[in-house]
Amino acid sequence: MQRLYDSVEPRVMDEDMLKLAVGEQGPQEEAGQLARQEGILFKDVVSLRLDFQNILRIDSLWQFENLRKLQLDNNIIEKIEGLEHLVHLVWLDLSFNNIEAIEGLDTLVNLEDLSLFNNQITKIDSLDALVKLQIIYLRRFKDLRSLSLSGNPIAESEDYKMFICAYLPDLVYLDFRRIDDHMKELAESKHQYSIDELKHRENLIQARLDDELAWQVELEKHKAAFVEHLNGSFLFDSMYTEDVEGNKLAYLPGVGELLQGYKDKFVIICLNIFEYGLKQQEKRKLELDTFNECVKEAIQENQEQGKHRIAEFEEKHLLSLNAIREESDLTNIEVRIVEYGEDITELFNVLMTLEMQLVEQLEETINMFERNIMDLVALFIENVQSLYPFLDDPHGEVLLAPISAPPASRGTRGGALAFFFFFKILFIYFRERAGAG
């Protein structure tokens, strides 16, 4: 039965409601008073109870980024939403609401316990396709071990428990009861064909996601080398995408063939730049790794020297400190304190000297690293430029043989003016990318 709005006006979560709840559920007594004075940051809250609040809509929870337990039972919530930022949530209670569909949980990858007891999750003639999709949706939550759906129309279906056990095989508790192994075996046997088909689809989807992830990783690697999209015809094609006049010229006799020849040469040079860029990136990475290792070793060596001097000081004066405690003559005590004060000052000076030596050493290392990186980048740009010798020709005089000239007279230079501009754009593109790095 659907829960009706009572005499209290339906509410939407707002900051005042959340502050009040956090304050009431936070530390009590002196710790609570201090917390209320200084304020409790929502991001520090790990458990929140908002039951019996007549809440109609879930909202304003984005600041609770470390929340692990959320209690929203006994409200009038109609839709699961507003939870996308609660990625650490483990326990979620949405019992006794008016929820009709299992949705809005996509980012809750750590969810272990989900309670939807007594809602309006639909039943239409056993388990219809829409309801099945909602159960299959829960398969993405690999850590889900407890699920409660009793009190919903879906739980009245004849095949309800079998279907849940078959499609959520890692579930341990269903409707607050432990699922026995015999039930799991029967469920798996009954729905084996559908489960196998579903697993096949999931494997295909996962393979596609893995390919996309691998592509993204590779693209990031190319970006780090400043050569993204240069391992093919992307750059050439992008220059022609919106070039209406250029596309028209391609239909002239002989131009299409000439253009294809230019494209092939253009792509070859792009590939050369691409391969060279990756090799140079490996050199820069090696330089960076060497730099980090030098910094790490310098800091560790400096710290070891400091620890050694402190240990020597402690070993030298530990017995002396005990002797001062046992000393009864005030004059002797004062003399010893002066002596130890001088030793402490000496230790301080030694530690400060070590600190300054470390600063100087790190400054020298950083300067050397910067010089090496700048040399690598300059060499990179220079060598890329040399891959096409006409990039520095401001007039393109060697490239000006007209397209209209007969093939025998224009040779490999025919129409090269356009080719020149293609490579000029490529060079500018590369130089900006390298400079941005």
Protein backbone atom coordinates (compact mmCIF):
# COMPACT_ATOMS: atom_id res chain seq x y z
CA MET A 1 0.00 0.00 0.00
CA GLN A 2 1.31 3.41 -0.93
CA ARG A 3 2.32 5.63 1.97
CA LEU A 4 0.22 8.79 2.06
CA TYR A 5 1.35 12.29 2.94
CA ASP A 6 0.39 12.92 6.57
CA SER A 7 -0.42 16.19 8.21
CA VAL A 8 3.21 17.30 7.92
CA GLU A 9 3.99 19.00 4.62
CA PRO A 10 6.19 16.89 2.28
CA ARG A 11 9.81 17.95 2.51
CA VAL A 12 12.85 18.10 0.29
CA MET A 13 16.29 17.73 1.82
CA ASP A 14 18.00 21.07 2.35
CA GLU A 15 21.07 22.25 4.23
CA ASP A 16 19.13 23.18 7.37
CA MET A 17 17.68 19.68 7.67
CA LEU A 18 21.10 18.10 7.14
CA LYS A 19 22.83 20.39 9.65
CA LEU A 20 20.19 19.59 12.28
CA ALA A 21 20.49 15.84 11.68
CA VAL A 22 24.28 15.91 11.77
CA GLY A 23 24.26 17.98 14.94
CA GLU A 24 21.78 15.67 16.72
CA GLN A 25 23.62 12.51 15.68
CA GLY A 26 27.14 13.83 16.26
CA PRO A 27 29.25 13.72 19.44
CA GLN A 28 27.51 14.55 22.71
CA GLU A 29 28.49 16.24 25.99
CA GLU A 30 31.74 18.32 25.84
CA ALA A 31 32.85 16.88 22.50
CA GLY A 32 29.41 17.63 21.09
CA GLN A 33 29.46 21.22 22.34
CA LEU A 34 32.88 21.77 20.78
CA ALA A 35 31.72 20.22 17.49
CA ARG A 36 28.64 22.46 17.43
CA GLN A 37 30.75 25.55 18.11
CA GLU A 38 33.32 24.79 15.43
CA GLY A 39 30.87 23.14 13.03
CA ILE A 40 30.92 19.62 11.65
CA LEU A 41 32.03 19.27 8.06
CA PHE A 42 29.64 17.15 6.01
CA LYS A 43 32.59 15.45 4.32
CA ASP A 44 33.64 14.01 7.71
CA VAL A 45 30.27 12.34 8.38
CA VAL A 46 30.25 8.56 7.82
CA SER A 47 26.73 7.73 9.06
CA LEU A 48 23.51 9.69 8.61
CA ARG A 49 19.95 8.92 9.74
CA LEU A 50 17.04 10.75 8.06
CA ASP A 51 14.11 8.48 8.84
CA PHE A 52 10.56 9.72 9.61
CA GLN A 53 11.23 13.15 8.05
CA ASN A 54 8.41 13.10 5.46
CA ILE A 55 11.06 13.51 2.77
CA LEU A 56 9.64 13.51 -0.75
CA ARG A 57 12.86 13.91 -2.69
CA ILE A 58 16.52 13.05 -2.04
CA ASP A 59 18.76 16.07 -2.56
CA SER A 60 21.74 18.10 -1.26
CA LEU A 61 23.88 15.08 -0.28
CA TRP A 62 26.79 15.89 -2.58
CA GLN A 63 29.00 17.13 0.30
CA PHE A 64 28.79 13.80 2.18
CA GLU A 65 31.57 12.32 0.07
CA ASN A 66 32.76 9.86 2.76
CA LEU A 67 29.34 8.66 3.91
CA ARG A 68 29.18 4.89 4.44
CA LYS A 69 25.75 4.39 6.01
CA LEU A 70 22.55 6.20 5.01
CA GLN A 71 19.13 5.62 6.57
CA LEU A 72 16.17 7.06 4.62
CA ASP A 73 13.43 4.68 5.68
CA ASN A 74 9.86 5.71 6.58
CA ASN A 75 9.59 8.71 4.29
CA ILE A 76 7.55 9.31 1.12
CA ILE A 77 10.40 9.15 -1.38
CA GLU A 78 9.19 8.27 -4.88
CA LYS A 79 12.45 7.97 -6.79
CA ILE A 80 16.02 6.88 -6.04
CA GLU A 81 18.14 9.88 -7.03
CA GLY A 82 20.71 12.35 -5.71
CA LEU A 83 23.11 9.64 -4.49
CA GLU A 84 25.73 9.83 -7.26
CA HIS A 85 28.41 11.45 -5.05
CA LEU A 86 28.16 8.88 -2.24
CA VAL A 87 30.69 6.53 -3.82
CA HIS A 88 31.81 5.09 -0.45
CA LEU A 89 28.30 4.11 0.64
CA VAL A 90 28.12 0.54 1.97
CA TRP A 91 24.71 0.41 3.66
CA LEU A 92 21.53 2.00 2.29
CA ASP A 93 18.04 1.72 3.79
CA LEU A 94 15.15 3.00 1.67
CA SER A 95 12.43 0.87 3.27
CA PHE A 96 8.84 2.13 3.72
CA ASN A 97 8.79 4.67 0.90
CA ASN A 98 6.93 4.98 -2.42
CA ILE A 99 9.75 3.90 -4.72
CA GLU A 100 8.60 2.21 -7.94
CA ALA A 101 11.89 1.38 -9.70
CA ILE A 102 15.40 0.26 -8.79
CA GLU A 103 17.59 2.96 -10.34
CA GLY A 104 19.96 5.83 -9.52
CA LEU A 105 22.56 3.63 -7.84
CA ASP A 106 25.13 3.48 -10.64
CA THR A 107 28.06 5.08 -8.77
CA LEU A 108 27.56 3.19 -5.48
CA VAL A 109 30.16 0.57 -6.41
CA ASN A 110 30.88 -0.34 -2.76
CA LEU A 111 27.26 -1.05 -1.80
CA GLU A 112 26.90 -4.20 0.32
CA ASP A 113 23.50 -3.89 1.97
CA LEU A 114 20.44 -2.51 0.17
CA SER A 115 17.04 -2.47 1.84
CA LEU A 116 13.94 -1.59 -0.24
CA PHE A 117 11.41 -3.26 2.04
CA ASN A 118 7.80 -2.11 1.61
CA ASN A 119 7.91 0.08 -1.48
CA GLN A 120 6.02 0.04 -4.78
CA ILE A 121 8.53 -1.82 -6.96
CA THR A 122 6.31 -3.20 -9.67
CA LYS A 123 4.88 -6.60 -10.37
CA ILE A 124 3.22 -7.17 -13.76
CA ASP A 125 2.24 -10.77 -14.50
CA SER A 126 5.05 -12.61 -12.76
CA LEU A 127 8.37 -10.89 -13.58
CA ASP A 128 8.01 -8.76 -16.69
CA ALA A 129 10.91 -7.50 -18.80
CA LEU A 130 11.11 -4.12 -17.05
CA VAL A 131 11.29 -5.65 -13.59
CA LYS A 132 13.88 -8.18 -14.77
CA LEU A 133 16.00 -5.32 -16.04
CA GLN A 134 15.85 -3.72 -12.60
CA ILE A 135 17.13 -6.91 -10.95
CA ILE A 136 19.82 -7.37 -13.62
CA TYR A 137 20.80 -3.74 -12.95
CA LEU A 138 21.87 -4.84 -9.45
CA ARG A 139 24.45 -7.27 -10.90
CA ARG A 140 26.87 -4.37 -11.33
CA PHE A 141 27.24 -4.08 -7.54
CA LYS A 142 29.86 -6.78 -7.01
CA ASP A 143 29.96 -6.33 -3.23
CA LEU A 144 26.17 -6.53 -2.70
CA ARG A 145 25.50 -9.25 -0.11
CA SER A 146 22.15 -8.32 1.44
CA LEU A 147 18.96 -7.27 -0.36
CA SER A 148 15.45 -6.70 0.97
CA LEU A 149 12.52 -6.38 -1.43
CA SER A 150 9.75 -7.97 0.59
CA GLY A 151 6.61 -5.87 0.96
CA ASN A 152 6.85 -4.82 -2.72
CA PRO A 153 4.54 -6.11 -5.47
CA ILE A 154 7.59 -7.74 -7.06
CA ALA A 155 7.97 -10.04 -4.06
CA GLU A 156 4.51 -11.51 -4.71
CA SER A 157 5.67 -13.04 -8.00
CA GLU A 158 5.87 -16.83 -8.00
CA ASP A 159 9.40 -16.90 -9.39
CA TYR A 160 10.65 -14.02 -7.26
CA LYS A 161 13.19 -15.78 -5.00
CA MET A 162 14.44 -18.12 -7.72
CA PHE A 163 15.00 -15.22 -10.09
CA ILE A 164 16.84 -13.13 -7.49
CA CYS A 165 19.08 -16.03 -6.48
CA ALA A 166 19.87 -16.91 -10.09
CA TYR A 167 20.68 -13.41 -11.28
CA LEU A 168 22.44 -12.27 -8.07
CA PRO A 169 24.52 -15.38 -7.24
CA ASP A 170 26.80 -13.58 -4.74
CA LEU A 171 23.89 -12.51 -2.56
CA VAL A 172 24.04 -13.97 0.97
CA TYR A 173 20.81 -12.61 2.50
CA LEU A 174 17.49 -12.01 0.78
CA ASP A 175 14.71 -10.35 2.77
CA PHE A 176 16.69 -10.81 6.00
CA ARG A 177 17.05 -14.59 5.48
CA ARG A 178 20.20 -16.45 4.52
CA ILE A 179 20.10 -18.07 1.07
CA ASP A 180 21.03 -21.76 1.32
CA ASP A 181 23.19 -23.52 -1.27
CA HIS A 182 20.34 -25.78 -2.40
CA MET A 183 18.21 -22.77 -3.33
CA LYS A 184 21.14 -21.30 -5.31
CA GLU A 185 21.63 -24.58 -7.21
CA LEU A 186 17.92 -24.84 -8.09
CA ALA A 187 17.81 -21.22 -9.19
CA GLU A 188 20.92 -21.58 -11.35
CA SER A 189 19.57 -24.73 -12.97
CA LYS A 190 16.16 -23.20 -13.70
CA HIS A 191 17.55 -20.02 -15.28
CA GLN A 192 20.77 -21.44 -16.70
CA TYR A 193 20.05 -20.60 -20.36
CA SER A 194 19.10 -17.00 -19.59
CA ILE A 195 22.08 -16.57 -17.26
CA ASP A 196 24.52 -17.92 -19.86
CA GLU A 197 23.11 -15.55 -22.45
CA LEU A 198 23.32 -12.64 -20.01
CA LYS A 199 26.92 -13.49 -19.11
CA HIS A 200 27.81 -13.57 -22.79
CA ARG A 201 26.34 -10.08 -23.28
CA GLU A 202 28.10 -8.82 -20.16
CA ASN A 203 31.42 -10.22 -21.41
CA LEU A 204 30.96 -8.45 -24.75
CA ILE A 205 30.16 -5.18 -22.98
CA GLN A 206 33.14 -5.61 -20.66
CA ALA A 207 35.42 -6.35 -23.62
CA ARG A 208 34.22 -3.17 -25.31
CA LEU A 209 34.80 -1.18 -22.10
CA ASP A 210 38.29 -2.68 -21.78
CA ASP A 211 39.07 -1.69 -25.37
CA GLU A 212 37.85 1.85 -24.73
CA LEU A 213 39.93 2.04 -21.56
CA ALA A 214 43.00 0.74 -23.38
CA TRP A 215 42.41 3.33 -26.10
CA GLN A 216 42.14 6.10 -23.51
CA VAL A 217 45.36 4.94 -21.82
CA GLU A 218 47.13 4.89 -25.19
CA LEU A 219 45.77 8.34 -26.04
CA GLU A 220 47.07 9.74 -22.75
CA LYS A 221 50.45 8.26 -23.59
CA HIS A 222 50.35 9.97 -26.99
CA LYS A 223 49.32 13.27 -25.39
CA ALA A 224 52.26 13.08 -23.02
CA ALA A 225 54.48 12.71 -26.11
CA PHE A 226 52.67 15.60 -27.87
CA VAL A 227 51.80 13.33 -30.82
CA GLU A 228 48.13 12.50 -30.26
CA HIS A 229 46.22 11.75 -33.48
CA LEU A 230 49.41 11.78 -35.58
CA ASN A 231 49.42 7.99 -36.05
CA GLY A 232 47.10 8.16 -39.04
CA SER A 233 45.27 10.50 -41.37
CA PHE A 234 43.33 12.37 -38.67
CA LEU A 235 45.23 15.66 -39.02
CA PHE A 236 45.01 15.66 -42.84
CA ASP A 237 41.32 14.70 -42.82
CA SER A 238 40.47 17.34 -40.21
CA MET A 239 41.87 20.07 -42.48
CA TYR A 240 39.50 19.01 -45.26
CA THR A 241 36.39 18.34 -43.16
CA GLU A 242 34.93 21.83 -43.55
CA ASP A 243 36.86 22.87 -46.67
CA VAL A 244 33.99 23.09 -49.16
CA GLU A 245 36.10 24.59 -51.95
CA GLY A 246 38.84 22.04 -51.44
CA ASN A 247 36.34 19.21 -51.71
CA LYS A 248 35.04 20.68 -54.98
CA LEU A 249 38.56 20.85 -56.42
CA ALA A 250 38.97 17.17 -55.70
CA TYR A 251 36.48 16.40 -58.50
CA LEU A 252 38.65 18.07 -61.17
CA PRO A 253 40.49 15.69 -63.54
CA GLY A 254 43.68 14.41 -61.97
CA VAL A 255 43.27 16.38 -58.74
CA GLY A 256 41.81 13.50 -56.76
CA GLU A 257 44.77 11.28 -57.61
CA LEU A 258 47.20 14.10 -56.83
CA LEU A 259 45.48 14.82 -53.52
CA GLN A 260 45.62 11.16 -52.55
CA GLY A 261 49.35 11.17 -53.27
CA TYR A 262 49.81 14.20 -51.05
CA LYS A 263 47.73 12.59 -48.35
CA ASP A 264 49.86 9.44 -48.44
CA LYS A 265 53.06 11.49 -48.09
CA PHE A 266 51.49 13.62 -45.38
CA VAL A 267 50.47 10.55 -43.38
CA ILE A 268 53.94 9.00 -43.76
CA ILE A 269 55.54 12.11 -42.28
CA CYS A 270 52.92 12.20 -39.50
CA LEU A 271 53.79 8.59 -38.67
CA ASN A 272 57.50 9.42 -38.64
CA ILE A 273 56.83 12.29 -36.25
CA PHE A 274 54.59 10.02 -34.17
CA GLU A 275 57.25 7.31 -33.79
CA TYR A 276 59.96 9.87 -33.12
CA GLY A 277 57.75 11.60 -30.54
CA LEU A 278 57.19 8.37 -28.62
CA LYS A 279 60.93 7.67 -28.54
CA GLN A 280 61.63 11.19 -27.29
CA GLN A 281 58.96 10.82 -24.65
CA GLU A 282 60.75 7.73 -23.35
CA LYS A 283 63.92 9.82 -23.05
CA ARG A 284 62.04 12.56 -21.19
CA LYS A 285 60.47 9.96 -18.93
CA LEU A 286 63.89 8.47 -18.20
CA GLU A 287 65.17 11.96 -17.41
CA LEU A 288 62.23 12.55 -15.06
CA ASP A 289 62.70 9.17 -13.35
CA THR A 290 66.39 9.93 -12.87
CA PHE A 291 65.54 13.35 -11.44
CA ASN A 292 63.01 11.89 -8.98
CA GLU A 293 65.48 9.22 -7.92
CA CYS A 294 68.21 11.81 -7.33
CA VAL A 295 65.86 13.95 -5.23
CA LYS A 296 64.73 10.93 -3.23
CA GLU A 297 68.30 9.77 -2.58
CA ALA A 298 69.44 13.26 -1.59
CA ILE A 299 66.61 13.64 0.93
CA GLN A 300 67.13 10.15 2.38
CA GLU A 301 70.90 10.66 2.72
CA ASN A 302 70.37 14.04 4.39
CA GLN A 303 67.81 12.58 6.79
CA GLU A 304 70.12 9.70 7.69
CA GLN A 305 72.92 12.11 8.48
CA GLY A 306 70.58 14.17 10.67
CA LYS A 307 69.30 11.07 12.49
CA HIS A 308 72.88 9.91 13.05
CA ARG A 309 73.92 13.23 14.63
CA ILE A 310 70.81 13.26 16.85
CA ALA A 311 71.48 9.67 17.94
CA GLU A 312 75.07 10.58 18.82
CA PHE A 313 73.81 13.53 20.89
CA GLU A 314 71.27 11.37 22.73
CA GLU A 315 73.83 8.66 23.42
CA LYS A 316 76.32 11.21 24.75
CA HIS A 317 73.91 13.05 27.03
CA LEU A 318 71.41 10.41 28.17
CA LEU A 319 73.51 9.39 31.18
CA SER A 320 74.40 13.02 31.81
CA LEU A 321 70.74 13.96 32.05
CA ASN A 322 70.21 11.25 34.63
CA ALA A 323 73.22 12.61 36.51
CA ILE A 324 71.68 16.10 36.58
CA ARG A 325 68.48 14.70 38.06
CA GLU A 326 70.52 13.07 40.85
CA GLU A 327 72.79 16.10 41.37
CA SER A 328 72.07 18.04 44.56
CA ASP A 329 74.62 20.87 44.16
CA LEU A 330 72.91 23.79 42.40
CA THR A 331 76.21 25.19 41.11
CA ASN A 332 77.12 21.91 39.42
CA ILE A 333 73.67 21.69 37.91
CA GLU A 334 73.99 25.17 36.39
CA VAL A 335 77.45 24.36 34.96
CA ARG A 336 76.16 21.16 33.36
CA ILE A 337 73.13 22.97 31.92
CA VAL A 338 75.43 25.56 30.29
CA GLU A 339 77.57 22.77 28.81
CA TYR A 340 74.56 20.94 27.45
CA GLY A 341 73.17 24.19 26.09
CA GLU A 342 76.32 24.66 24.05
CA ASP A 343 76.03 21.10 22.73
CA ILE A 344 72.40 21.69 21.80
CA THR A 345 73.36 24.85 19.92
CA GLU A 346 76.09 22.91 18.11
CA LEU A 347 73.55 20.19 17.16
CA PHE A 348 71.14 22.85 15.91
CA ASN A 349 73.87 24.39 13.74
CA VAL A 350 74.81 20.99 12.32
CA LEU A 351 71.19 20.20 11.43
CA MET A 352 70.69 23.62 9.84
CA THR A 353 73.90 23.13 7.83
CA LEU A 354 72.59 19.80 6.57
CA GLU A 355 69.32 21.50 5.65
CA MET A 356 71.09 24.22 3.66
CA GLN A 357 73.28 21.63 1.94
CA LEU A 358 70.12 19.76 0.90
CA VAL A 359 68.53 22.95 -0.46
CA GLU A 360 71.63 23.74 -2.53
CA GLN A 361 71.86 20.17 -3.77
CA LEU A 362 68.19 20.14 -4.80
CA GLU A 363 68.48 23.52 -6.52
CA GLU A 364 71.42 22.25 -8.56
CA THR A 365 69.56 19.06 -9.44
CA ILE A 366 66.43 21.00 -10.49
CA ASN A 367 68.45 23.38 -12.65
CA MET A 368 70.21 20.49 -14.35
CA PHE A 369 66.88 18.74 -14.92
CA GLU A 370 65.37 21.88 -16.46
CA ARG A 371 68.35 22.29 -18.81
CA ASN A 372 68.16 18.66 -19.91
CA ILE A 373 64.41 18.84 -20.55
CA MET A 374 64.74 22.09 -22.50
CA ASP A 375 67.52 20.54 -24.60
CA LEU A 376 65.35 17.51 -25.32
CA VAL A 377 62.37 19.65 -26.32
CA ALA A 378 64.50 21.91 -28.53
CA LEU A 379 66.08 18.89 -30.20
CA PHE A 380 62.62 17.39 -30.62
CA ILE A 381 61.27 20.46 -32.42
CA GLU A 382 64.40 20.81 -34.53
CA ASN A 383 64.30 17.20 -35.67
CA VAL A 384 60.57 17.31 -36.40
CA GLN A 385 61.19 20.39 -38.51
CA SER A 386 63.95 18.58 -40.37
CA LEU A 387 61.56 15.75 -41.29
CA TYR A 388 60.11 18.13 -43.88
CA PRO A 389 62.79 20.48 -45.25
CA PHE A 390 60.36 23.04 -46.70
CA LEU A 391 58.88 24.08 -43.37
CA ASP A 392 61.34 26.96 -43.04
CA ASP A 393 60.91 28.24 -46.62
CA PRO A 394 58.76 31.39 -46.05
CA HIS A 395 58.00 31.79 -49.74
CA GLY A 396 57.63 28.17 -50.72
CA GLU A 397 59.48 28.95 -53.96
CA VAL A 398 60.51 25.38 -54.58
CA LEU A 399 56.88 24.38 -54.14
CA LEU A 400 55.17 26.80 -56.47
CA ALA A 401 54.92 24.65 -59.61
CA PRO A 402 51.24 24.99 -60.58
CA ILE A 403 48.76 22.16 -60.53
CA SER A 404 47.82 23.01 -64.11
CA ALA A 405 51.30 22.11 -65.35
CA PRO A 406 51.55 18.77 -67.19
CA PRO A 407 52.61 15.84 -65.03
CA ALA A 408 55.98 15.54 -66.75
CA SER A 409 56.90 19.16 -65.96
CA ARG A 410 55.61 19.38 -62.42
CA GLY A 411 57.04 16.03 -61.26
CA THR A 412 56.74 15.67 -57.51
CA ARG A 413 56.35 19.44 -57.04
CA GLY A 414 52.94 19.83 -58.68
CA GLY A 415 50.37 21.34 -56.34
CA ALA A 416 52.93 21.31 -53.58
CA LEU A 417 51.91 24.75 -52.35
CA ALA A 418 48.90 23.20 -50.67
CA PHE A 419 51.17 20.43 -49.43
CA PHE A 420 53.50 23.06 -48.01
CA PHE A 421 50.70 24.69 -46.06
CA PHE A 422 49.59 21.32 -44.71
CA PHE A 423 53.01 20.75 -43.23
CA LYS A 424 53.28 24.33 -42.04
CA ILE A 425 50.09 23.77 -40.05
CA LEU A 426 51.47 20.47 -38.78
CA PHE A 427 54.66 22.13 -37.62
CA ILE A 428 52.82 24.97 -35.85
CA TYR A 429 50.50 22.43 -34.24
CA PHE A 430 53.40 20.36 -32.99
CA ARG A 431 55.43 23.36 -31.80
CA GLU A 432 52.46 24.64 -29.74
CA ARG A 433 51.84 21.22 -28.24
CA ALA A 434 55.52 20.81 -27.27
CA GLY A 435 55.65 24.35 -25.87
CA ALA A 436 52.49 23.74 -23.81
CA GLY A 437 54.18 20.76 -22.20
